[in-house]
Amino acid sequence: MVLSDSLFTRSGTLNYDDKYKGASAKSLSSLKEDKGLSKDGFLLNNARVLMGSGVETFEKGKNALRSWRYV
């Protein structure tokens, strides 16, 4: 089972429409041109922040993502 399948199974009902599937894989410029996500209320944010570097930071980030839960 892939992580996303497991996540959706455990989260119960989730406000998710198939038309959004794969949207984050598209470039920001193509999403801005499409305007579909913006019209549906999604904020397009391409901000990036360096959280740290090195193996310890990577492991902490990986563990945080693995333990993340929908509320």
PDB file of N, CA and C in Angstrom:
ATOM      1  N   MET A   1       0.853  -1.176   0.000  1.00  0.00           N
ATOM      2  CA  MET A   1       0.000   0.000   0.000  1.00  0.00           C
ATOM      3  C   MET A   1       0.894   1.233   0.000  1.00  0.00           C
ATOM      4  N   VAL A   2       0.596   2.195  -0.855  1.00  0.00           N
ATOM      5  CA  VAL A   2       1.366   3.436  -0.880  1.00  0.00           C
ATOM      6  C   VAL A   2       0.906   4.358   0.236  1.00  0.00           C
ATOM      7  N   LEU A   3       1.766   5.274   0.624  1.00  0.00           N
ATOM      8  CA  LEU A   3       1.474   6.181   1.729  1.00  0.00           C
ATOM      9  C   LEU A   3       0.172   6.936   1.500  1.00  0.00           C
ATOM     10  N   SER A   4      -0.053   7.462   0.285  1.00  0.00           N
ATOM     11  CA  SER A   4      -1.263   8.246   0.036  1.00  0.00           C
ATOM     12  C   SER A   4      -2.524   7.392   0.184  1.00  0.00           C
ATOM     13  N   ASP A   5      -2.488   6.147  -0.271  1.00  0.00           N
ATOM     14  CA  ASP A   5      -3.645   5.256  -0.111  1.00  0.00           C
ATOM     15  C   ASP A   5      -3.938   5.026   1.362  1.00  0.00           C
ATOM     16  N   SER A   6      -2.892   4.786   2.129  1.00  0.00           N
ATOM     17  CA  SER A   6      -3.039   4.565   3.556  1.00  0.00           C
ATOM     18  C   SER A   6      -3.596   5.815   4.233  1.00  0.00           C
ATOM     19  N   LEU A   7      -3.114   6.967   3.836  1.00  0.00           N
ATOM     20  CA  LEU A   7      -3.568   8.224   4.410  1.00  0.00           C
ATOM     21  C   LEU A   7      -5.059   8.425   4.161  1.00  0.00           C
ATOM     22  N   PHE A   8      -5.495   8.219   2.932  1.00  0.00           N
ATOM     23  CA  PHE A   8      -6.899   8.414   2.611  1.00  0.00           C
ATOM     24  C   PHE A   8      -7.789   7.381   3.298  1.00  0.00           C
ATOM     25  N   THR A   9      -7.303   6.174   3.446  1.00  0.00           N
ATOM     26  CA  THR A   9      -8.070   5.136   4.127  1.00  0.00           C
ATOM     27  C   THR A   9      -8.277   5.493   5.596  1.00  0.00           C
ATOM     28  N   ARG A  10      -7.214   5.951   6.256  1.00  0.00           N
ATOM     29  CA  ARG A  10      -7.296   6.282   7.679  1.00  0.00           C
ATOM     30  C   ARG A  10      -8.005   7.596   7.952  1.00  0.00           C
ATOM     31  N   SER A  11      -8.073   8.494   6.978  1.00  0.00           N
ATOM     32  CA  SER A  11      -8.638   9.814   7.238  1.00  0.00           C
ATOM     33  C   SER A  11     -10.164   9.823   7.195  1.00  0.00           C
ATOM     34  N   GLY A  12     -10.778   8.743   6.757  1.00  0.00           N
ATOM     35  CA  GLY A  12     -12.246   8.713   6.673  1.00  0.00           C
ATOM     36  C   GLY A  12     -12.714   9.564   5.512  1.00  0.00           C
ATOM     37  N   THR A  13     -13.795  10.299   5.714  1.00  0.00           N
ATOM     38  CA  THR A  13     -14.283  11.136   4.629  1.00  0.00           C
ATOM     39  C   THR A  13     -13.368  12.341   4.473  1.00  0.00           C
ATOM     40  N   LEU A  14     -13.034  12.628   3.259  1.00  0.00           N
ATOM     41  CA  LEU A  14     -12.114  13.703   2.949  1.00  0.00           C
ATOM     42  C   LEU A  14     -12.692  14.479   1.774  1.00  0.00           C
ATOM     43  N   ASN A  15     -12.708  15.773   1.889  1.00  0.00           N
ATOM     44  CA  ASN A  15     -13.217  16.621   0.812  1.00  0.00           C
ATOM     45  C   ASN A  15     -12.189  16.622  -0.311  1.00  0.00           C
ATOM     46  N   TYR A  16     -12.283  15.649  -1.182  1.00  0.00           N
ATOM     47  CA  TYR A  16     -11.289  15.472  -2.237  1.00  0.00           C
ATOM     48  C   TYR A  16     -12.005  15.135  -3.534  1.00  0.00           C
ATOM     49  N   ASP A  17     -11.681  15.837  -4.568  1.00  0.00           N
ATOM     50  CA  ASP A  17     -12.277  15.615  -5.882  1.00  0.00           C
ATOM     51  C   ASP A  17     -11.176  15.142  -6.826  1.00  0.00           C
ATOM     52  N   ASP A  18     -11.455  14.161  -7.639  1.00  0.00           N
ATOM     53  CA  ASP A  18     -10.448  13.617  -8.550  1.00  0.00           C
ATOM     54  C   ASP A  18      -9.861  14.659  -9.496  1.00  0.00           C
ATOM     55  N   LYS A  19     -10.590  15.749  -9.752  1.00  0.00           N
ATOM     56  CA  LYS A  19     -10.069  16.752 -10.683  1.00  0.00           C
ATOM     57  C   LYS A  19      -8.824  17.441 -10.136  1.00  0.00           C
ATOM     58  N   TYR A  20      -8.577  17.338  -8.821  1.00  0.00           N
ATOM     59  CA  TYR A  20      -7.393  17.936  -8.218  1.00  0.00           C
ATOM     60  C   TYR A  20      -6.202  16.980  -8.185  1.00  0.00           C
ATOM     61  N   LYS A  21      -6.416  15.738  -8.536  1.00  0.00           N
ATOM     62  CA  LYS A  21      -5.356  14.736  -8.477  1.00  0.00           C
ATOM     63  C   LYS A  21      -4.197  15.137  -9.397  1.00  0.00           C
ATOM     64  N   GLY A  22      -3.007  15.174  -8.837  1.00  0.00           N
ATOM     65  CA  GLY A  22      -1.818  15.500  -9.617  1.00  0.00           C
ATOM     66  C   GLY A  22      -1.574  16.986  -9.805  1.00  0.00           C
ATOM     67  N   ALA A  23      -2.410  17.835  -9.232  1.00  0.00           N
ATOM     68  CA  ALA A  23      -2.266  19.277  -9.428  1.00  0.00           C
ATOM     69  C   ALA A  23      -0.925  19.786  -8.924  1.00  0.00           C
ATOM     70  N   SER A  24      -0.439  19.246  -7.825  1.00  0.00           N
ATOM     71  CA  SER A  24       0.816  19.738  -7.260  1.00  0.00           C
ATOM     72  C   SER A  24       2.027  19.329  -8.099  1.00  0.00           C
ATOM     73  N   ALA A  25       1.841  18.418  -9.036  1.00  0.00           N
ATOM     74  CA  ALA A  25       2.948  18.007  -9.904  1.00  0.00           C
ATOM     75  C   ALA A  25       3.140  18.980 -11.065  1.00  0.00           C
ATOM     76  N   LYS A  26       2.159  19.850 -11.285  1.00  0.00           N
ATOM     77  CA  LYS A  26       2.260  20.822 -12.379  1.00  0.00           C
ATOM     78  C   LYS A  26       3.088  22.021 -11.930  1.00  0.00           C
ATOM     79  N   SER A  27       3.645  22.729 -12.905  1.00  0.00           N
ATOM     80  CA  SER A  27       4.433  23.916 -12.566  1.00  0.00           C
ATOM     81  C   SER A  27       3.508  25.035 -12.091  1.00  0.00           C
ATOM     82  N   LEU A  28       4.041  25.936 -11.286  1.00  0.00           N
ATOM     83  CA  LEU A  28       3.263  27.053 -10.775  1.00  0.00           C
ATOM     84  C   LEU A  28       2.736  27.907 -11.914  1.00  0.00           C
ATOM     85  N   SER A  29       3.551  28.127 -12.932  1.00  0.00           N
ATOM     86  CA  SER A  29       3.113  28.964 -14.049  1.00  0.00           C
ATOM     87  C   SER A  29       1.931  28.333 -14.790  1.00  0.00           C
ATOM     88  N   SER A  30       1.939  27.018 -14.973  1.00  0.00           N
ATOM     89  CA  SER A  30       0.812  26.378 -15.659  1.00  0.00           C
ATOM     90  C   SER A  30      -0.444  26.401 -14.794  1.00  0.00           C
ATOM     91  N   LEU A  31      -0.281  26.305 -13.469  1.00  0.00           N
ATOM     92  CA  LEU A  31      -1.438  26.388 -12.573  1.00  0.00           C
ATOM     93  C   LEU A  31      -2.030  27.796 -12.583  1.00  0.00           C
ATOM     94  N   LYS A  32      -1.165  28.816 -12.638  1.00  0.00           N
ATOM     95  CA  LYS A  32      -1.655  30.192 -12.697  1.00  0.00           C
ATOM     96  C   LYS A  32      -2.395  30.453 -14.001  1.00  0.00           C
ATOM     97  N   GLU A  33      -1.905  29.886 -15.097  1.00  0.00           N
ATOM     98  CA  GLU A  33      -2.569  30.040 -16.396  1.00  0.00           C
ATOM     99  C   GLU A  33      -3.931  29.355 -16.397  1.00  0.00           C
ATOM    100  N   ASP A  34      -4.004  28.180 -15.795  1.00  0.00           N
ATOM    101  CA  ASP A  34      -5.237  27.387 -15.770  1.00  0.00           C
ATOM    102  C   ASP A  34      -6.323  28.078 -14.941  1.00  0.00           C
ATOM    103  N   LYS A  35      -5.983  28.646 -13.827  1.00  0.00           N
ATOM    104  CA  LYS A  35      -6.875  29.357 -12.908  1.00  0.00           C
ATOM    105  C   LYS A  35      -7.963  28.484 -12.290  1.00  0.00           C
ATOM    106  N   GLY A  36      -7.994  27.202 -12.610  1.00  0.00           N
ATOM    107  CA  GLY A  36      -9.008  26.310 -12.060  1.00  0.00           C
ATOM    108  C   GLY A  36      -8.928  26.162 -10.553  1.00  0.00           C
ATOM    109  N   LEU A  37      -7.734  25.995 -10.040  1.00  0.00           N
ATOM    110  CA  LEU A  37      -7.571  25.830  -8.596  1.00  0.00           C
ATOM    111  C   LEU A  37      -7.909  27.119  -7.852  1.00  0.00           C
ATOM    112  N   SER A  38      -7.494  28.248  -8.406  1.00  0.00           N
ATOM    113  CA  SER A  38      -7.804  29.530  -7.761  1.00  0.00           C
ATOM    114  C   SER A  38      -9.306  29.761  -7.685  1.00  0.00           C
ATOM    115  N   LYS A  39     -10.015  29.439  -8.751  1.00  0.00           N
ATOM    116  CA  LYS A  39     -11.468  29.611  -8.764  1.00  0.00           C
ATOM    117  C   LYS A  39     -12.144  28.715  -7.737  1.00  0.00           C
ATOM    118  N   ASP A  40     -11.532  27.570  -7.442  1.00  0.00           N
ATOM    119  CA  ASP A  40     -12.102  26.630  -6.471  1.00  0.00           C
ATOM    120  C   ASP A  40     -11.671  26.939  -5.039  1.00  0.00           C
ATOM    121  N   GLY A  41     -10.947  28.045  -4.846  1.00  0.00           N
ATOM    122  CA  GLY A  41     -10.597  28.472  -3.498  1.00  0.00           C
ATOM    123  C   GLY A  41      -9.226  28.072  -3.005  1.00  0.00           C
ATOM    124  N   PHE A  42      -8.402  27.477  -3.884  1.00  0.00           N
ATOM    125  CA  PHE A  42      -7.056  27.107  -3.470  1.00  0.00           C
ATOM    126  C   PHE A  42      -6.114  28.291  -3.641  1.00  0.00           C
ATOM    127  N   LEU A  43      -5.235  28.489  -2.671  1.00  0.00           N
ATOM    128  CA  LEU A  43      -4.217  29.523  -2.731  1.00  0.00           C
ATOM    129  C   LEU A  43      -2.962  28.912  -3.332  1.00  0.00           C
ATOM    130  N   LEU A  44      -2.467  29.518  -4.395  1.00  0.00           N
ATOM    131  CA  LEU A  44      -1.242  29.026  -5.018  1.00  0.00           C
ATOM    132  C   LEU A  44      -0.062  29.704  -4.345  1.00  0.00           C
ATOM    133  N   ASN A  45       0.719  28.928  -3.617  1.00  0.00           N
ATOM    134  CA  ASN A  45       1.831  29.459  -2.842  1.00  0.00           C
ATOM    135  C   ASN A  45       3.087  28.676  -3.195  1.00  0.00           C
ATOM    136  N   ASN A  46       4.075  29.375  -3.705  1.00  0.00           N
ATOM    137  CA  ASN A  46       5.317  28.721  -4.093  1.00  0.00           C
ATOM    138  C   ASN A  46       6.460  29.105  -3.149  1.00  0.00           C
ATOM    139  N   ALA A  47       6.114  29.471  -1.926  1.00  0.00           N
ATOM    140  CA  ALA A  47       7.124  29.885  -0.956  1.00  0.00           C
ATOM    141  C   ALA A  47       7.970  28.691  -0.525  1.00  0.00           C
ATOM    142  N   ARG A  48       9.245  28.953  -0.334  1.00  0.00           N
ATOM    143  CA  ARG A  48      10.155  27.912   0.135  1.00  0.00           C
ATOM    144  C   ARG A  48      10.955  28.460   1.301  1.00  0.00           C
ATOM    145  N   VAL A  49      11.167  27.625   2.293  1.00  0.00           N
ATOM    146  CA  VAL A  49      11.917  28.027   3.478  1.00  0.00           C
ATOM    147  C   VAL A  49      12.924  26.927   3.795  1.00  0.00           C
ATOM    148  N   LEU A  50      14.163  27.313   3.999  1.00  0.00           N
ATOM    149  CA  LEU A  50      15.180  26.341   4.391  1.00  0.00           C
ATOM    150  C   LEU A  50      14.994  26.032   5.867  1.00  0.00           C
ATOM    151  N   MET A  51      14.690  24.776   6.168  1.00  0.00           N
ATOM    152  CA  MET A  51      14.429  24.358   7.544  1.00  0.00           C
ATOM    153  C   MET A  51      15.702  23.912   8.256  1.00  0.00           C
ATOM    154  N   GLY A  52      16.747  23.679   7.505  1.00  0.00           N
ATOM    155  CA  GLY A  52      17.996  23.208   8.065  1.00  0.00           C
ATOM    156  C   GLY A  52      18.725  22.391   7.025  1.00  0.00           C
ATOM    157  N   SER A  53      19.742  21.697   7.437  1.00  0.00           N
ATOM    158  CA  SER A  53      20.469  20.847   6.503  1.00  0.00           C
ATOM    159  C   SER A  53      21.089  19.686   7.271  1.00  0.00           C
ATOM    160  N   GLY A  54      21.451  18.677   6.542  1.00  0.00           N
ATOM    161  CA  GLY A  54      22.115  17.530   7.144  1.00  0.00           C
ATOM    162  C   GLY A  54      21.167  16.374   7.419  1.00  0.00           C
ATOM    163  N   VAL A  55      21.762  15.279   7.808  1.00  0.00           N
ATOM    164  CA  VAL A  55      21.033  14.026   8.024  1.00  0.00           C
ATOM    165  C   VAL A  55      20.021  14.157   9.166  1.00  0.00           C
ATOM    166  N   GLU A  56      20.407  14.791  10.263  1.00  0.00           N
ATOM    167  CA  GLU A  56      19.505  14.906  11.408  1.00  0.00           C
ATOM    168  C   GLU A  56      18.243  15.694  11.040  1.00  0.00           C
ATOM    169  N   THR A  57      18.411  16.794  10.314  1.00  0.00           N
ATOM    170  CA  THR A  57      17.258  17.591   9.881  1.00  0.00           C
ATOM    171  C   THR A  57      16.372  16.788   8.934  1.00  0.00           C
ATOM    172  N   PHE A  58      17.000  16.069   8.011  1.00  0.00           N
ATOM    173  CA  PHE A  58      16.243  15.233   7.079  1.00  0.00           C
ATOM    174  C   PHE A  58      15.422  14.187   7.826  1.00  0.00           C
ATOM    175  N   GLU A  59      16.036  13.510   8.769  1.00  0.00           N
ATOM    176  CA  GLU A  59      15.337  12.467   9.535  1.00  0.00           C
ATOM    177  C   GLU A  59      14.172  13.052  10.336  1.00  0.00           C
ATOM    178  N   LYS A  60      14.370  14.217  10.949  1.00  0.00           N
ATOM    179  CA  LYS A  60      13.289  14.857  11.704  1.00  0.00           C
ATOM    180  C   LYS A  60      12.130  15.219  10.783  1.00  0.00           C
ATOM    181  N   GLY A  61      12.444  15.762   9.619  1.00  0.00           N
ATOM    182  CA  GLY A  61      11.399  16.113   8.658  1.00  0.00           C
ATOM    183  C   GLY A  61      10.662  14.886   8.153  1.00  0.00           C
ATOM    184  N   LYS A  62      11.402  13.839   7.856  1.00  0.00           N
ATOM    185  CA  LYS A  62      10.802  12.589   7.382  1.00  0.00           C
ATOM    186  C   LYS A  62       9.862  12.011   8.439  1.00  0.00           C
ATOM    187  N   ASN A  63      10.311  11.997   9.689  1.00  0.00           N
ATOM    188  CA  ASN A  63       9.466  11.475  10.772  1.00  0.00           C
ATOM    189  C   ASN A  63       8.228  12.334  10.991  1.00  0.00           C
ATOM    190  N   ALA A  64       8.387  13.644  10.868  1.00  0.00           N
ATOM    191  CA  ALA A  64       7.229  14.535  11.023  1.00  0.00           C
ATOM    192  C   ALA A  64       6.193  14.272   9.938  1.00  0.00           C
ATOM    193  N   LEU A  65       6.629  14.088   8.686  1.00  0.00           N
ATOM    194  CA  LEU A  65       5.681  13.804   7.611  1.00  0.00           C
ATOM    195  C   LEU A  65       5.008  12.439   7.796  1.00  0.00           C
ATOM    196  N   ARG A  66       5.756  11.463   8.245  1.00  0.00           N
ATOM    197  CA  ARG A  66       5.187  10.135   8.459  1.00  0.00           C
ATOM    198  C   ARG A  66       4.166  10.105   9.600  1.00  0.00           C
ATOM    199  N   SER A  67       4.331  10.982  10.571  1.00  0.00           N
ATOM    200  CA  SER A  67       3.395  10.991  11.711  1.00  0.00           C
ATOM    201  C   SER A  67       2.285  12.024  11.553  1.00  0.00           C
ATOM    202  N   TRP A  68       2.269  12.749  10.445  1.00  0.00           N
ATOM    203  CA  TRP A  68       1.269  13.787  10.201  1.00  0.00           C
ATOM    204  C   TRP A  68      -0.115  13.164  10.026  1.00  0.00           C
ATOM    205  N   ARG A  69      -1.113  13.794  10.594  1.00  0.00           N
ATOM    206  CA  ARG A  69      -2.497  13.290  10.526  1.00  0.00           C
ATOM    207  C   ARG A  69      -3.437  14.427  10.162  1.00  0.00           C
ATOM    208  N   TYR A  70      -4.453  14.093   9.397  1.00  0.00           N
ATOM    209  CA  TYR A  70      -5.546  15.035   9.148  1.00  0.00           C
ATOM    210  C   TYR A  70      -6.320  15.205  10.442  1.00  0.00           C
ATOM    211  N   VAL A  71      -6.750  16.388  10.717  1.00  0.00           N
ATOM    212  CA  VAL A  71      -7.548  16.616  11.920  1.00  0.00           C
ATOM    213  C   VAL A  71      -8.950  17.016  11.527  1.00  0.00           C
TER     214      VAL A  71
END
